[in-house]
C-alpha cells in the first residue's frame, strides 16, 4: 500500500475515540506536519479510533471538546497534504459502525494489511 520510493514512511495508530477528545487532533496534526516534510503518511484507526471518523462527529468535537477548531479542520489539513486514513474492520464492528457511517476517503483494511504497513514503515507511532 505504500507508494513512494525513497520517501520516509510514517504510520500513526489512533486507538482513542470520542470519549477522549483531547487526544483527537494530535495524530492529524503530526501526520500533516510529516506530510509537509515530504514523508508518506497514513493514520490507522483501531479500537475506539474509528468513532472519530463518524460523519456526525467530526464537526462536533475537537481537541478541547466542543471549544476551538472542530476535528474536521485537522482532518482536512492532513488529508489535504496527502495523509491517507485507514480503518480496522473489526474495530468498526466493536463500535457498531459501518464504513458508510464514516467520512469520505477512509479505506478499510484488515490485520494482515496493517502488519505489512507496519513492517515497511520507517516509524510507527501510537496514540
N, C-alpha and C. Protein backbone atom coordinates (compact mmCIF):
# COMPACT_ATOMS: atom_id res chain seq x y z
N UNK A 1 0.80 -1.20 0.00
CA UNK A 1 0.00 0.00 0.00
C UNK A 1 0.85 1.27 0.00
N UNK A 2 2.09 1.16 0.48
CA UNK A 2 2.98 2.32 0.39
C UNK A 2 3.29 2.54 -1.08
N UNK A 3 3.33 3.78 -1.51
CA UNK A 3 3.53 4.05 -2.93
C UNK A 3 4.87 4.70 -3.24
N UNK A 4 5.39 5.49 -2.32
CA UNK A 4 6.59 6.27 -2.60
C UNK A 4 7.87 5.47 -2.51
N UNK A 5 8.79 5.76 -3.39
CA UNK A 5 10.13 5.18 -3.35
C UNK A 5 11.06 6.21 -2.75
N UNK A 6 11.81 5.83 -1.75
CA UNK A 6 12.78 6.73 -1.16
C UNK A 6 12.24 7.70 -0.14
N UNK A 7 10.92 7.86 -0.06
CA UNK A 7 10.34 8.73 0.95
C UNK A 7 10.30 7.99 2.28
N UNK A 8 10.41 8.74 3.38
CA UNK A 8 10.20 8.09 4.67
C UNK A 8 8.72 7.77 4.81
N UNK A 9 8.43 6.70 5.51
CA UNK A 9 7.06 6.22 5.66
C UNK A 9 6.72 6.20 7.15
N UNK A 10 5.67 6.94 7.52
CA UNK A 10 5.26 7.02 8.92
C UNK A 10 3.82 6.54 9.04
N UNK A 11 3.61 5.63 9.98
CA UNK A 11 2.29 5.09 10.25
C UNK A 11 1.89 5.49 11.67
N UNK A 12 0.83 6.28 11.77
CA UNK A 12 0.28 6.65 13.07
C UNK A 12 -0.87 5.70 13.37
N UNK A 13 -1.02 5.32 14.62
CA UNK A 13 -2.09 4.42 15.04
C UNK A 13 -2.93 5.15 16.09
N UNK A 14 -4.19 5.37 15.79
CA UNK A 14 -5.10 6.07 16.70
C UNK A 14 -6.04 5.07 17.35
N UNK A 15 -5.93 4.90 18.68
CA UNK A 15 -6.78 3.95 19.40
C UNK A 15 -7.84 4.64 20.24
N UNK A 16 -7.70 5.94 20.48
CA UNK A 16 -8.66 6.67 21.31
C UNK A 16 -9.76 7.24 20.45
N UNK A 17 -10.95 7.35 21.02
CA UNK A 17 -12.09 7.82 20.26
C UNK A 17 -12.76 9.04 20.85
N UNK A 18 -14.04 9.14 20.63
CA UNK A 18 -14.82 10.31 21.01
C UNK A 18 -14.88 10.53 22.52
N UNK A 19 -14.66 9.50 23.31
CA UNK A 19 -14.71 9.67 24.76
C UNK A 19 -13.47 10.37 25.30
N UNK A 20 -12.47 10.57 24.47
CA UNK A 20 -11.23 11.24 24.88
C UNK A 20 -10.86 12.29 23.83
N UNK A 21 -11.68 13.36 23.71
CA UNK A 21 -11.46 14.33 22.63
C UNK A 21 -10.12 15.04 22.70
N UNK A 22 -9.50 15.11 23.86
CA UNK A 22 -8.21 15.75 23.98
C UNK A 22 -7.12 15.06 23.18
N UNK A 23 -7.35 13.80 22.84
CA UNK A 23 -6.37 13.04 22.05
C UNK A 23 -6.77 12.93 20.58
N UNK A 24 -7.77 13.69 20.17
CA UNK A 24 -8.31 13.52 18.82
C UNK A 24 -7.48 14.20 17.73
N UNK A 25 -6.92 15.36 17.98
CA UNK A 25 -6.29 16.13 16.90
C UNK A 25 -4.82 15.82 16.70
N UNK A 26 -4.12 15.38 17.73
CA UNK A 26 -2.67 15.22 17.65
C UNK A 26 -2.21 14.34 16.50
N UNK A 27 -2.79 13.16 16.28
CA UNK A 27 -2.31 12.35 15.15
C UNK A 27 -2.47 13.06 13.81
N UNK A 28 -3.55 13.81 13.63
CA UNK A 28 -3.76 14.54 12.38
C UNK A 28 -2.74 15.67 12.23
N UNK A 29 -2.49 16.39 13.33
CA UNK A 29 -1.53 17.48 13.31
C UNK A 29 -0.14 16.96 12.98
N UNK A 30 0.29 15.91 13.66
CA UNK A 30 1.62 15.35 13.40
C UNK A 30 1.72 14.74 12.01
N UNK A 31 0.65 14.09 11.57
CA UNK A 31 0.64 13.50 10.23
C UNK A 31 0.74 14.58 9.16
N UNK A 32 0.02 15.69 9.35
CA UNK A 32 0.09 16.79 8.40
C UNK A 32 1.51 17.37 8.36
N UNK A 33 2.11 17.50 9.52
CA UNK A 33 3.48 18.02 9.58
C UNK A 33 4.45 17.10 8.85
N UNK A 34 4.31 15.79 9.08
CA UNK A 34 5.19 14.82 8.41
C UNK A 34 4.97 14.84 6.89
N UNK A 35 3.72 14.95 6.48
CA UNK A 35 3.43 15.01 5.05
C UNK A 35 4.03 16.27 4.42
N UNK A 36 3.97 17.39 5.14
CA UNK A 36 4.55 18.62 4.64
C UNK A 36 6.08 18.51 4.54
N UNK A 37 6.65 17.59 5.32
CA UNK A 37 8.10 17.34 5.27
C UNK A 37 8.43 16.26 4.23
N UNK A 38 7.45 15.96 3.37
CA UNK A 38 7.60 15.03 2.25
C UNK A 38 7.73 13.57 2.67
N UNK A 39 7.11 13.22 3.79
CA UNK A 39 7.01 11.80 4.17
C UNK A 39 5.70 11.26 3.65
N UNK A 40 5.66 9.98 3.42
CA UNK A 40 4.41 9.31 3.08
C UNK A 40 3.78 8.89 4.40
N UNK A 41 2.52 9.28 4.61
CA UNK A 41 1.91 9.15 5.94
C UNK A 41 0.53 8.53 5.86
N UNK A 42 0.28 7.63 6.81
CA UNK A 42 -1.04 7.03 6.97
C UNK A 42 -1.40 7.05 8.45
N UNK A 43 -2.71 7.17 8.72
CA UNK A 43 -3.22 7.03 10.08
C UNK A 43 -4.17 5.84 10.08
N UNK A 44 -3.91 4.91 10.98
CA UNK A 44 -4.73 3.69 11.11
C UNK A 44 -5.58 3.83 12.37
N UNK A 45 -6.89 3.70 12.23
CA UNK A 45 -7.83 3.85 13.33
C UNK A 45 -8.30 2.47 13.78
N UNK A 46 -7.98 2.14 15.02
CA UNK A 46 -8.34 0.84 15.57
C UNK A 46 -8.90 1.04 16.98
N UNK A 47 -9.37 -0.02 17.59
CA UNK A 47 -10.02 0.04 18.91
C UNK A 47 -11.17 1.04 18.83
N UNK A 48 -11.07 2.17 19.55
CA UNK A 48 -12.14 3.18 19.57
C UNK A 48 -11.86 4.34 18.61
N UNK A 49 -10.73 4.31 17.94
CA UNK A 49 -10.36 5.35 16.99
C UNK A 49 -11.37 5.61 15.89
N UNK A 50 -12.01 4.56 15.34
CA UNK A 50 -12.96 4.82 14.25
C UNK A 50 -14.12 5.74 14.64
N UNK A 51 -14.43 5.86 15.92
CA UNK A 51 -15.53 6.74 16.32
C UNK A 51 -15.23 8.20 15.99
N UNK A 52 -13.95 8.55 15.85
CA UNK A 52 -13.58 9.92 15.50
C UNK A 52 -13.90 10.26 14.05
N UNK A 53 -14.09 9.26 13.22
CA UNK A 53 -14.29 9.48 11.79
C UNK A 53 -15.76 9.48 11.39
N UNK A 54 -16.65 9.42 12.35
CA UNK A 54 -18.08 9.41 12.04
C UNK A 54 -18.50 10.75 11.43
N UNK A 55 -19.32 10.67 10.40
CA UNK A 55 -19.80 11.88 9.71
C UNK A 55 -20.43 12.88 10.67
N UNK A 56 -21.19 12.38 11.64
CA UNK A 56 -21.91 13.27 12.55
C UNK A 56 -21.09 13.68 13.77
N UNK A 57 -19.79 13.36 13.79
CA UNK A 57 -18.94 13.68 14.94
C UNK A 57 -17.88 14.72 14.61
N UNK A 58 -17.34 14.69 13.39
CA UNK A 58 -16.15 15.50 13.06
C UNK A 58 -16.36 17.00 13.20
N UNK A 59 -17.60 17.47 13.17
CA UNK A 59 -17.86 18.90 13.34
C UNK A 59 -18.26 19.25 14.77
N UNK A 60 -18.44 18.24 15.61
CA UNK A 60 -18.93 18.47 16.97
C UNK A 60 -17.85 18.41 18.04
N UNK A 61 -16.74 17.73 17.77
CA UNK A 61 -15.68 17.64 18.78
C UNK A 61 -14.36 18.12 18.23
N UNK A 62 -13.44 18.35 19.13
CA UNK A 62 -12.09 18.74 18.77
C UNK A 62 -11.19 18.47 19.96
N UNK A 63 -9.95 18.92 19.90
CA UNK A 63 -9.00 18.62 20.97
C UNK A 63 -9.38 19.21 22.32
N UNK A 64 -10.25 20.22 22.31
CA UNK A 64 -10.70 20.82 23.57
C UNK A 64 -12.18 20.52 23.78
N UNK A 65 -12.64 19.39 23.30
CA UNK A 65 -14.05 19.04 23.42
C UNK A 65 -14.87 19.75 22.37
N UNK A 66 -15.71 20.68 22.80
CA UNK A 66 -16.58 21.39 21.86
C UNK A 66 -16.13 22.83 21.65
N UNK A 67 -14.94 23.20 22.16
CA UNK A 67 -14.42 24.56 22.03
C UNK A 67 -13.23 24.55 21.07
N UNK A 68 -13.08 25.59 20.27
CA UNK A 68 -11.95 25.68 19.35
C UNK A 68 -12.26 25.06 18.00
N UNK A 69 -11.20 24.74 17.26
CA UNK A 69 -11.36 24.16 15.93
C UNK A 69 -11.97 22.77 16.02
N UNK A 70 -12.95 22.46 15.16
CA UNK A 70 -13.51 21.10 15.16
C UNK A 70 -12.52 20.11 14.55
N UNK A 71 -12.72 18.87 14.84
CA UNK A 71 -11.85 17.81 14.35
C UNK A 71 -11.73 17.84 12.82
N UNK A 72 -12.82 18.19 12.14
CA UNK A 72 -12.79 18.25 10.67
C UNK A 72 -11.65 19.15 10.17
N UNK A 73 -11.36 20.24 10.86
CA UNK A 73 -10.28 21.15 10.49
C UNK A 73 -8.95 20.40 10.42
N UNK A 74 -8.64 19.60 11.44
CA UNK A 74 -7.38 18.87 11.50
C UNK A 74 -7.35 17.73 10.47
N UNK A 75 -8.50 17.10 10.27
CA UNK A 75 -8.60 16.03 9.27
C UNK A 75 -8.32 16.59 7.88
N UNK A 76 -8.95 17.71 7.56
CA UNK A 76 -8.78 18.31 6.23
C UNK A 76 -7.35 18.81 6.01
N UNK A 77 -6.71 19.32 7.07
CA UNK A 77 -5.30 19.71 6.95
C UNK A 77 -4.47 18.50 6.53
N UNK A 78 -4.66 17.41 7.24
CA UNK A 78 -3.85 16.21 6.98
C UNK A 78 -4.13 15.61 5.61
N UNK A 79 -5.40 15.39 5.31
CA UNK A 79 -5.73 14.75 4.04
C UNK A 79 -5.39 15.67 2.86
N UNK A 80 -5.47 16.96 3.06
CA UNK A 80 -5.10 17.91 2.02
C UNK A 80 -3.62 17.83 1.65
N UNK A 81 -2.82 17.34 2.58
CA UNK A 81 -1.38 17.16 2.33
C UNK A 81 -1.04 15.73 1.92
N UNK A 82 -2.09 14.92 1.71
CA UNK A 82 -1.87 13.57 1.20
C UNK A 82 -1.89 12.45 2.23
N UNK A 83 -2.21 12.76 3.47
CA UNK A 83 -2.28 11.72 4.50
C UNK A 83 -3.47 10.82 4.19
N UNK A 84 -3.22 9.50 4.23
CA UNK A 84 -4.29 8.52 3.99
C UNK A 84 -4.85 8.04 5.31
N UNK A 85 -6.18 7.86 5.35
CA UNK A 85 -6.87 7.40 6.55
C UNK A 85 -7.33 5.95 6.33
N UNK A 86 -6.96 5.10 7.27
CA UNK A 86 -7.28 3.67 7.20
C UNK A 86 -8.04 3.27 8.45
N UNK A 87 -8.98 2.37 8.32
CA UNK A 87 -9.74 1.91 9.47
C UNK A 87 -9.72 0.40 9.56
N UNK A 88 -9.70 -0.09 10.78
CA UNK A 88 -9.71 -1.52 11.08
C UNK A 88 -11.14 -2.04 11.01
N UNK A 89 -11.39 -3.05 10.18
CA UNK A 89 -12.74 -3.57 10.03
C UNK A 89 -13.30 -4.13 11.34
N UNK A 90 -12.57 -4.96 12.11
CA UNK A 90 -13.13 -5.44 13.37
C UNK A 90 -13.44 -4.31 14.36
N UNK A 91 -12.70 -3.22 14.28
CA UNK A 91 -12.97 -2.09 15.17
C UNK A 91 -14.26 -1.37 14.80
N UNK A 92 -14.64 -1.42 13.53
CA UNK A 92 -15.95 -0.90 13.14
C UNK A 92 -17.03 -1.71 13.84
N UNK A 93 -16.89 -3.03 13.81
CA UNK A 93 -17.86 -3.90 14.49
C UNK A 93 -17.90 -3.61 15.98
N UNK A 94 -16.73 -3.44 16.60
CA UNK A 94 -16.63 -3.15 18.03
C UNK A 94 -17.45 -1.92 18.42
N UNK A 95 -17.48 -0.94 17.53
CA UNK A 95 -18.16 0.33 17.79
C UNK A 95 -19.52 0.43 17.11
N UNK A 96 -20.04 -0.70 16.62
CA UNK A 96 -21.34 -0.74 15.94
C UNK A 96 -21.41 0.27 14.79
N UNK A 97 -20.33 0.33 14.01
CA UNK A 97 -20.25 1.23 12.87
C UNK A 97 -20.09 0.45 11.58
N UNK A 98 -20.44 1.09 10.48
CA UNK A 98 -20.18 0.58 9.13
C UNK A 98 -19.34 1.62 8.41
N UNK A 99 -18.65 1.21 7.38
CA UNK A 99 -17.80 2.14 6.62
C UNK A 99 -18.62 3.32 6.11
N UNK A 100 -19.90 3.11 5.83
CA UNK A 100 -20.78 4.17 5.34
C UNK A 100 -21.05 5.24 6.40
N UNK A 101 -20.81 4.93 7.67
CA UNK A 101 -21.00 5.89 8.76
C UNK A 101 -19.85 6.89 8.86
N UNK A 102 -18.76 6.60 8.14
CA UNK A 102 -17.55 7.41 8.26
C UNK A 102 -17.46 8.46 7.17
N UNK A 103 -16.60 9.44 7.40
CA UNK A 103 -16.37 10.48 6.40
C UNK A 103 -15.82 9.86 5.12
N UNK A 104 -15.94 10.58 4.03
CA UNK A 104 -15.41 10.10 2.74
C UNK A 104 -13.90 10.02 2.80
N UNK A 105 -13.35 9.09 2.03
CA UNK A 105 -11.91 8.99 1.88
C UNK A 105 -11.23 8.04 2.84
N UNK A 106 -11.98 7.31 3.64
CA UNK A 106 -11.41 6.35 4.58
C UNK A 106 -11.41 4.97 3.92
N UNK A 107 -10.27 4.29 3.96
CA UNK A 107 -10.16 2.94 3.41
C UNK A 107 -10.14 1.93 4.55
N UNK A 108 -10.82 0.82 4.36
CA UNK A 108 -10.86 -0.25 5.35
C UNK A 108 -9.81 -1.30 5.02
N UNK A 109 -9.04 -1.71 6.04
CA UNK A 109 -8.05 -2.77 5.84
C UNK A 109 -8.14 -3.75 7.00
N UNK A 110 -7.57 -4.91 6.80
CA UNK A 110 -7.54 -5.94 7.82
C UNK A 110 -6.20 -6.02 8.52
N UNK A 111 -6.08 -6.96 9.41
CA UNK A 111 -4.88 -7.11 10.22
C UNK A 111 -3.63 -7.41 9.41
N UNK A 112 -3.73 -8.25 8.41
CA UNK A 112 -2.55 -8.58 7.61
C UNK A 112 -2.03 -7.35 6.87
N UNK A 113 -2.93 -6.54 6.32
CA UNK A 113 -2.52 -5.33 5.62
C UNK A 113 -1.87 -4.34 6.59
N UNK A 114 -2.45 -4.21 7.80
CA UNK A 114 -1.84 -3.33 8.79
C UNK A 114 -0.43 -3.80 9.15
N UNK A 115 -0.28 -5.09 9.41
CA UNK A 115 1.04 -5.62 9.75
C UNK A 115 2.05 -5.38 8.64
N UNK A 116 1.62 -5.53 7.41
CA UNK A 116 2.51 -5.27 6.28
C UNK A 116 2.94 -3.79 6.25
N UNK A 117 1.99 -2.89 6.48
CA UNK A 117 2.33 -1.47 6.53
C UNK A 117 3.31 -1.18 7.66
N UNK A 118 3.07 -1.77 8.82
CA UNK A 118 3.94 -1.53 9.98
C UNK A 118 5.35 -2.05 9.72
N UNK A 119 5.46 -3.20 9.08
CA UNK A 119 6.78 -3.78 8.77
C UNK A 119 7.56 -2.87 7.81
N UNK A 120 6.85 -2.29 6.85
CA UNK A 120 7.51 -1.47 5.85
C UNK A 120 7.73 -0.02 6.29
N UNK A 121 7.07 0.41 7.37
CA UNK A 121 7.17 1.80 7.82
C UNK A 121 8.53 2.07 8.45
N UNK A 122 8.98 3.32 8.31
CA UNK A 122 10.19 3.74 8.98
C UNK A 122 9.92 4.08 10.44
N UNK A 123 8.66 4.43 10.75
CA UNK A 123 8.26 4.72 12.11
C UNK A 123 6.78 4.38 12.28
N UNK A 124 6.45 3.81 13.43
CA UNK A 124 5.06 3.55 13.81
C UNK A 124 4.85 4.24 15.15
N UNK A 125 3.89 5.15 15.20
CA UNK A 125 3.64 5.95 16.39
C UNK A 125 2.19 5.77 16.81
N UNK A 126 1.98 5.46 18.08
CA UNK A 126 0.65 5.12 18.57
C UNK A 126 0.10 6.16 19.53
N UNK A 127 -1.20 6.42 19.39
CA UNK A 127 -1.92 7.33 20.28
C UNK A 127 -3.10 6.61 20.88
